[in-house]
Amino acid sequence: MAEPEFRPASPDPIDRRSDAARNLAVVVYILQALSFFLGGISGLVGVIINYVKMDDVQGTWIESHFRWQIRTFWIGLLWTVIGVVTTMIIIGWFILLGIAIWIIFRIVKGALALNDGKTV
């Protein structure tokens, strides 16, 4: 009788969809997207969730998404402030447009990777 084949425990992306930490990352991506309509308050709530739950996701595949979301928030905030301050000299409007496109790109890229069960 042949021995059963050994299969390493490689997590299936479909199985990863029920992970509670994954669901938190989904919520934060949604909050980041809503921040365009709610004046950034939901983005702030999302980054607070990231910081509070960071210890729970340490060493998991979700950690890269939390770091991605945190960087998106802080870099977006920095360039938004720079854009607002420089709107009087016209270049600020281009900065605001550029940062909006960049934030949307990062939300979409991160959410698609999360949906596929991959790290960012």
N, C-alpha and C. Protein backbone atom coordinates (compact mmCIF):
# COMPACT_ATOMS: atom_id res chain seq x y z
N MET A 1 0.85 -1.17 0.00
CA MET A 1 0.00 0.00 0.00
C MET A 1 0.90 1.23 0.00
N ALA A 2 0.62 2.18 -0.86
CA ALA A 2 1.41 3.39 -0.98
C ALA A 2 1.05 4.36 0.13
N GLU A 3 2.07 5.09 0.56
CA GLU A 3 1.84 6.09 1.60
C GLU A 3 1.08 7.27 1.00
N PRO A 4 0.22 7.91 1.81
CA PRO A 4 -0.49 9.07 1.29
C PRO A 4 0.48 10.20 0.95
N GLU A 5 0.13 10.91 -0.07
CA GLU A 5 0.97 12.03 -0.52
C GLU A 5 0.92 13.16 0.49
N PHE A 6 2.10 13.70 0.83
CA PHE A 6 2.18 14.81 1.77
C PHE A 6 1.94 16.11 1.03
N ARG A 7 1.02 16.90 1.52
CA ARG A 7 0.75 18.22 0.93
C ARG A 7 1.00 19.29 1.98
N PRO A 8 1.90 20.21 1.69
CA PRO A 8 2.13 21.28 2.67
C PRO A 8 0.89 22.14 2.82
N ALA A 9 0.74 22.71 3.97
CA ALA A 9 -0.44 23.53 4.27
C ALA A 9 -0.32 24.90 3.62
N SER A 10 -0.45 24.92 2.30
CA SER A 10 -0.44 26.22 1.61
C SER A 10 -1.86 26.74 1.59
N PRO A 11 -2.08 27.87 2.22
CA PRO A 11 -3.44 28.38 2.32
C PRO A 11 -4.03 28.72 0.96
N ASP A 12 -5.20 28.18 0.74
CA ASP A 12 -5.93 28.43 -0.50
C ASP A 12 -6.54 29.83 -0.45
N PRO A 13 -6.36 30.63 -1.51
CA PRO A 13 -6.93 31.99 -1.49
C PRO A 13 -8.43 32.02 -1.21
N ILE A 14 -9.15 30.99 -1.64
CA ILE A 14 -10.59 30.96 -1.40
C ILE A 14 -10.86 30.75 0.09
N ASP A 15 -10.06 29.90 0.74
CA ASP A 15 -10.24 29.68 2.17
C ASP A 15 -9.90 30.92 2.99
N ARG A 16 -9.03 31.75 2.48
CA ARG A 16 -8.62 32.95 3.21
C ARG A 16 -9.73 33.97 3.31
N ARG A 17 -10.78 33.84 2.54
CA ARG A 17 -11.84 34.85 2.52
C ARG A 17 -12.65 34.89 3.80
N SER A 18 -12.59 33.84 4.62
CA SER A 18 -13.38 33.83 5.85
C SER A 18 -12.58 34.33 7.05
N ASP A 19 -11.35 34.72 6.85
CA ASP A 19 -10.47 35.20 7.91
C ASP A 19 -11.00 36.52 8.49
N ALA A 20 -11.07 36.60 9.83
CA ALA A 20 -11.59 37.82 10.47
C ALA A 20 -10.69 39.02 10.20
N ALA A 21 -9.38 38.82 10.17
CA ALA A 21 -8.46 39.92 9.89
C ALA A 21 -8.65 40.41 8.46
N ARG A 22 -8.92 39.50 7.55
CA ARG A 22 -9.19 39.87 6.16
C ARG A 22 -10.43 40.76 6.09
N ASN A 23 -11.45 40.40 6.85
CA ASN A 23 -12.67 41.20 6.85
C ASN A 23 -12.41 42.60 7.39
N LEU A 24 -11.51 42.72 8.37
CA LEU A 24 -11.14 44.05 8.87
C LEU A 24 -10.44 44.86 7.79
N ALA A 25 -9.57 44.21 7.02
CA ALA A 25 -8.88 44.91 5.93
C ALA A 25 -9.88 45.38 4.88
N VAL A 26 -10.89 44.57 4.62
CA VAL A 26 -11.95 44.97 3.67
C VAL A 26 -12.66 46.21 4.19
N VAL A 27 -12.98 46.21 5.47
CA VAL A 27 -13.66 47.37 6.08
C VAL A 27 -12.80 48.62 5.93
N VAL A 28 -11.50 48.49 6.16
CA VAL A 28 -10.62 49.66 6.07
C VAL A 28 -10.53 50.16 4.63
N TYR A 29 -10.46 49.25 3.65
CA TYR A 29 -10.46 49.69 2.25
C TYR A 29 -11.76 50.45 1.93
N ILE A 30 -12.87 49.97 2.45
CA ILE A 30 -14.15 50.66 2.23
C ILE A 30 -14.14 52.03 2.90
N LEU A 31 -13.62 52.10 4.13
CA LEU A 31 -13.54 53.39 4.83
C LEU A 31 -12.64 54.37 4.08
N GLN A 32 -11.54 53.86 3.53
CA GLN A 32 -10.66 54.74 2.75
C GLN A 32 -11.38 55.26 1.51
N ALA A 33 -12.14 54.42 0.85
CA ALA A 33 -12.87 54.87 -0.33
C ALA A 33 -13.95 55.89 0.05
N LEU A 34 -14.62 55.66 1.17
CA LEU A 34 -15.66 56.59 1.62
C LEU A 34 -15.09 57.94 2.04
N SER A 35 -13.81 57.98 2.36
CA SER A 35 -13.22 59.24 2.81
C SER A 35 -13.28 60.33 1.75
N PHE A 36 -13.40 59.95 0.48
CA PHE A 36 -13.56 60.94 -0.58
C PHE A 36 -14.89 61.68 -0.44
N PHE A 37 -15.88 61.01 0.12
CA PHE A 37 -17.22 61.59 0.24
C PHE A 37 -17.51 62.14 1.63
N LEU A 38 -16.72 61.72 2.62
CA LEU A 38 -16.97 62.11 4.00
C LEU A 38 -15.89 63.02 4.56
N GLY A 39 -15.12 63.63 3.70
CA GLY A 39 -14.12 64.59 4.14
C GLY A 39 -12.92 63.99 4.86
N GLY A 40 -12.65 62.75 4.67
CA GLY A 40 -11.47 62.13 5.26
C GLY A 40 -11.67 61.51 6.63
N ILE A 41 -12.82 61.73 7.25
CA ILE A 41 -13.06 61.21 8.60
C ILE A 41 -13.04 59.69 8.60
N SER A 42 -13.64 59.06 7.62
CA SER A 42 -13.66 57.59 7.58
C SER A 42 -12.25 57.04 7.34
N GLY A 43 -11.42 57.76 6.61
CA GLY A 43 -10.03 57.34 6.43
C GLY A 43 -9.28 57.36 7.75
N LEU A 44 -9.56 58.35 8.58
CA LEU A 44 -8.95 58.44 9.90
C LEU A 44 -9.40 57.27 10.77
N VAL A 45 -10.68 56.94 10.72
CA VAL A 45 -11.19 55.79 11.47
C VAL A 45 -10.50 54.51 10.99
N GLY A 46 -10.32 54.39 9.68
CA GLY A 46 -9.66 53.21 9.12
C GLY A 46 -8.23 53.05 9.60
N VAL A 47 -7.47 54.14 9.62
CA VAL A 47 -6.07 54.04 10.05
C VAL A 47 -5.99 53.76 11.56
N ILE A 48 -6.95 54.23 12.32
CA ILE A 48 -6.98 53.90 13.75
C ILE A 48 -7.22 52.40 13.92
N ILE A 49 -8.13 51.85 13.14
CA ILE A 49 -8.37 50.40 13.17
C ILE A 49 -7.08 49.66 12.83
N ASN A 50 -6.36 50.13 11.81
CA ASN A 50 -5.09 49.50 11.43
C ASN A 50 -4.12 49.47 12.60
N TYR A 51 -3.95 50.58 13.27
CA TYR A 51 -2.99 50.65 14.37
C TYR A 51 -3.43 49.80 15.56
N VAL A 52 -4.73 49.81 15.87
CA VAL A 52 -5.23 49.04 17.01
C VAL A 52 -5.09 47.54 16.78
N LYS A 53 -5.34 47.09 15.58
CA LYS A 53 -5.33 45.65 15.27
C LYS A 53 -4.01 45.15 14.69
N MET A 54 -3.00 45.99 14.58
CA MET A 54 -1.74 45.60 13.96
C MET A 54 -1.10 44.40 14.67
N ASP A 55 -1.16 44.35 15.99
CA ASP A 55 -0.57 43.23 16.72
C ASP A 55 -1.26 41.91 16.38
N ASP A 56 -2.56 41.96 16.10
CA ASP A 56 -3.31 40.74 15.78
C ASP A 56 -2.93 40.15 14.43
N VAL A 57 -2.47 40.98 13.51
CA VAL A 57 -2.15 40.51 12.16
C VAL A 57 -0.65 40.35 11.94
N GLN A 58 0.15 40.63 12.97
CA GLN A 58 1.61 40.52 12.86
C GLN A 58 1.99 39.11 12.40
N GLY A 59 2.76 39.03 11.33
CA GLY A 59 3.24 37.75 10.82
C GLY A 59 2.27 37.02 9.91
N THR A 60 1.13 37.62 9.59
CA THR A 60 0.18 36.99 8.68
C THR A 60 0.22 37.69 7.32
N TRP A 61 -0.47 37.13 6.37
CA TRP A 61 -0.50 37.71 5.04
C TRP A 61 -1.28 39.03 5.01
N ILE A 62 -2.10 39.26 6.01
CA ILE A 62 -2.89 40.49 6.10
C ILE A 62 -2.02 41.67 6.54
N GLU A 63 -0.90 41.40 7.19
CA GLU A 63 -0.03 42.48 7.68
C GLU A 63 0.39 43.41 6.54
N SER A 64 0.67 42.86 5.37
CA SER A 64 1.09 43.72 4.25
C SER A 64 -0.04 44.67 3.85
N HIS A 65 -1.28 44.21 3.96
CA HIS A 65 -2.41 45.08 3.62
C HIS A 65 -2.56 46.20 4.65
N PHE A 66 -2.38 45.87 5.93
CA PHE A 66 -2.46 46.90 6.97
C PHE A 66 -1.38 47.95 6.75
N ARG A 67 -0.16 47.52 6.46
CA ARG A 67 0.92 48.48 6.21
C ARG A 67 0.63 49.32 4.97
N TRP A 68 0.10 48.70 3.92
CA TRP A 68 -0.28 49.38 2.69
C TRP A 68 -1.32 50.46 2.99
N GLN A 69 -2.31 50.11 3.79
CA GLN A 69 -3.37 51.06 4.14
C GLN A 69 -2.84 52.20 4.99
N ILE A 70 -1.95 51.91 5.92
CA ILE A 70 -1.37 52.96 6.76
C ILE A 70 -0.55 53.92 5.91
N ARG A 71 0.28 53.38 5.02
CA ARG A 71 1.09 54.25 4.15
C ARG A 71 0.20 55.08 3.23
N THR A 72 -0.85 54.47 2.71
CA THR A 72 -1.77 55.21 1.85
C THR A 72 -2.36 56.40 2.60
N PHE A 73 -2.77 56.18 3.84
CA PHE A 73 -3.37 57.26 4.62
C PHE A 73 -2.38 58.39 4.86
N TRP A 74 -1.20 58.07 5.39
CA TRP A 74 -0.26 59.12 5.78
C TRP A 74 0.32 59.86 4.58
N ILE A 75 0.69 59.15 3.54
CA ILE A 75 1.21 59.82 2.34
C ILE A 75 0.11 60.65 1.69
N GLY A 76 -1.10 60.10 1.65
CA GLY A 76 -2.23 60.85 1.11
C GLY A 76 -2.52 62.11 1.90
N LEU A 77 -2.46 62.01 3.23
CA LEU A 77 -2.69 63.18 4.07
C LEU A 77 -1.61 64.23 3.84
N LEU A 78 -0.36 63.81 3.80
CA LEU A 78 0.74 64.75 3.58
C LEU A 78 0.55 65.52 2.27
N TRP A 79 0.32 64.81 1.18
CA TRP A 79 0.19 65.47 -0.12
C TRP A 79 -1.11 66.25 -0.25
N THR A 80 -2.15 65.84 0.46
CA THR A 80 -3.39 66.62 0.46
C THR A 80 -3.16 67.97 1.15
N VAL A 81 -2.46 67.95 2.27
CA VAL A 81 -2.14 69.21 2.96
C VAL A 81 -1.29 70.10 2.06
N ILE A 82 -0.27 69.52 1.43
CA ILE A 82 0.58 70.30 0.52
C ILE A 82 -0.26 70.87 -0.62
N GLY A 83 -1.17 70.06 -1.15
CA GLY A 83 -2.02 70.51 -2.24
C GLY A 83 -2.95 71.64 -1.82
N VAL A 84 -3.54 71.52 -0.64
CA VAL A 84 -4.45 72.56 -0.16
C VAL A 84 -3.69 73.86 0.08
N VAL A 85 -2.51 73.76 0.66
CA VAL A 85 -1.72 74.96 0.95
C VAL A 85 -1.30 75.66 -0.34
N THR A 86 -1.04 74.91 -1.39
CA THR A 86 -0.56 75.50 -2.65
C THR A 86 -1.66 75.74 -3.68
N THR A 87 -2.92 75.62 -3.30
CA THR A 87 -3.99 75.88 -4.27
C THR A 87 -4.00 77.32 -4.75
N MET A 88 -3.51 78.22 -3.94
CA MET A 88 -3.51 79.62 -4.35
C MET A 88 -2.56 79.88 -5.50
N ILE A 89 -1.57 79.03 -5.66
CA ILE A 89 -0.63 79.23 -6.78
C ILE A 89 -0.85 78.18 -7.87
N ILE A 90 -2.08 77.75 -8.01
CA ILE A 90 -2.57 76.86 -9.07
C ILE A 90 -1.99 75.44 -9.01
N ILE A 91 -0.74 75.28 -8.71
CA ILE A 91 -0.14 73.94 -8.72
C ILE A 91 -0.83 73.01 -7.72
N GLY A 92 -1.40 73.58 -6.67
CA GLY A 92 -2.09 72.78 -5.66
C GLY A 92 -3.22 71.96 -6.23
N TRP A 93 -3.92 72.52 -7.23
CA TRP A 93 -5.02 71.77 -7.85
C TRP A 93 -4.50 70.53 -8.57
N PHE A 94 -3.35 70.64 -9.18
CA PHE A 94 -2.75 69.48 -9.85
C PHE A 94 -2.26 68.46 -8.83
N ILE A 95 -1.73 68.95 -7.72
CA ILE A 95 -1.31 68.04 -6.65
C ILE A 95 -2.51 67.29 -6.09
N LEU A 96 -3.60 68.00 -5.85
CA LEU A 96 -4.81 67.36 -5.33
C LEU A 96 -5.38 66.32 -6.31
N LEU A 97 -5.37 66.65 -7.58
CA LEU A 97 -5.83 65.69 -8.58
C LEU A 97 -4.93 64.46 -8.61
N GLY A 98 -3.62 64.70 -8.59
CA GLY A 98 -2.66 63.59 -8.62
C GLY A 98 -2.77 62.69 -7.41
N ILE A 99 -2.92 63.27 -6.24
CA ILE A 99 -3.00 62.46 -5.03
C ILE A 99 -4.32 61.70 -4.97
N ALA A 100 -5.39 62.29 -5.49
CA ALA A 100 -6.67 61.58 -5.53
C ALA A 100 -6.56 60.35 -6.42
N ILE A 101 -5.95 60.51 -7.59
CA ILE A 101 -5.76 59.36 -8.50
C ILE A 101 -4.88 58.31 -7.84
N TRP A 102 -3.81 58.74 -7.18
CA TRP A 102 -2.88 57.81 -6.52
C TRP A 102 -3.57 57.03 -5.40
N ILE A 103 -4.39 57.70 -4.61
CA ILE A 103 -5.10 57.03 -3.51
C ILE A 103 -6.10 56.03 -4.07
N ILE A 104 -6.84 56.41 -5.10
CA ILE A 104 -7.79 55.48 -5.71
C ILE A 104 -7.06 54.26 -6.25
N PHE A 105 -5.92 54.47 -6.90
CA PHE A 105 -5.12 53.35 -7.42
C PHE A 105 -4.72 52.41 -6.29
N ARG A 106 -4.25 52.96 -5.17
CA ARG A 106 -3.79 52.11 -4.06
C ARG A 106 -4.95 51.37 -3.41
N ILE A 107 -6.10 51.99 -3.30
CA ILE A 107 -7.26 51.31 -2.73
C ILE A 107 -7.67 50.15 -3.64
N VAL A 108 -7.76 50.40 -4.93
CA VAL A 108 -8.17 49.36 -5.88
C VAL A 108 -7.14 48.23 -5.93
N LYS A 109 -5.86 48.58 -6.03
CA LYS A 109 -4.82 47.55 -6.10
C LYS A 109 -4.81 46.69 -4.84
N GLY A 110 -4.91 47.32 -3.68
CA GLY A 110 -4.92 46.58 -2.43
C GLY A 110 -6.16 45.71 -2.28
N ALA A 111 -7.32 46.26 -2.62
CA ALA A 111 -8.56 45.50 -2.50
C ALA A 111 -8.57 44.30 -3.44
N LEU A 112 -8.06 44.47 -4.65
CA LEU A 112 -8.01 43.34 -5.59
C LEU A 112 -7.05 42.26 -5.10
N ALA A 113 -5.91 42.66 -4.56
CA ALA A 113 -4.97 41.67 -4.01
C ALA A 113 -5.60 40.95 -2.82
N LEU A 114 -6.28 41.70 -1.97
CA LEU A 114 -6.95 41.09 -0.83
C LEU A 114 -8.02 40.11 -1.28
N ASN A 115 -8.78 40.47 -2.28
CA ASN A 115 -9.82 39.59 -2.80
C ASN A 115 -9.23 38.30 -3.37
N ASP A 116 -8.04 38.40 -3.95
CA ASP A 116 -7.37 37.21 -4.52
C ASP A 116 -6.62 36.42 -3.45
N GLY A 117 -6.61 36.90 -2.21
CA GLY A 117 -5.91 36.21 -1.15
C GLY A 117 -4.40 36.36 -1.21
N LYS A 118 -3.94 37.47 -1.78
CA LYS A 118 -2.51 37.71 -1.94
C LYS A 118 -2.07 38.89 -1.08
N THR A 119 -0.76 38.97 -0.84
CA THR A 119 -0.20 40.14 -0.19
C THR A 119 -0.07 41.25 -1.21
N VAL A 120 0.08 42.45 -0.72
CA VAL A 120 0.24 43.58 -1.65
C VAL A 120 1.70 43.69 -2.04
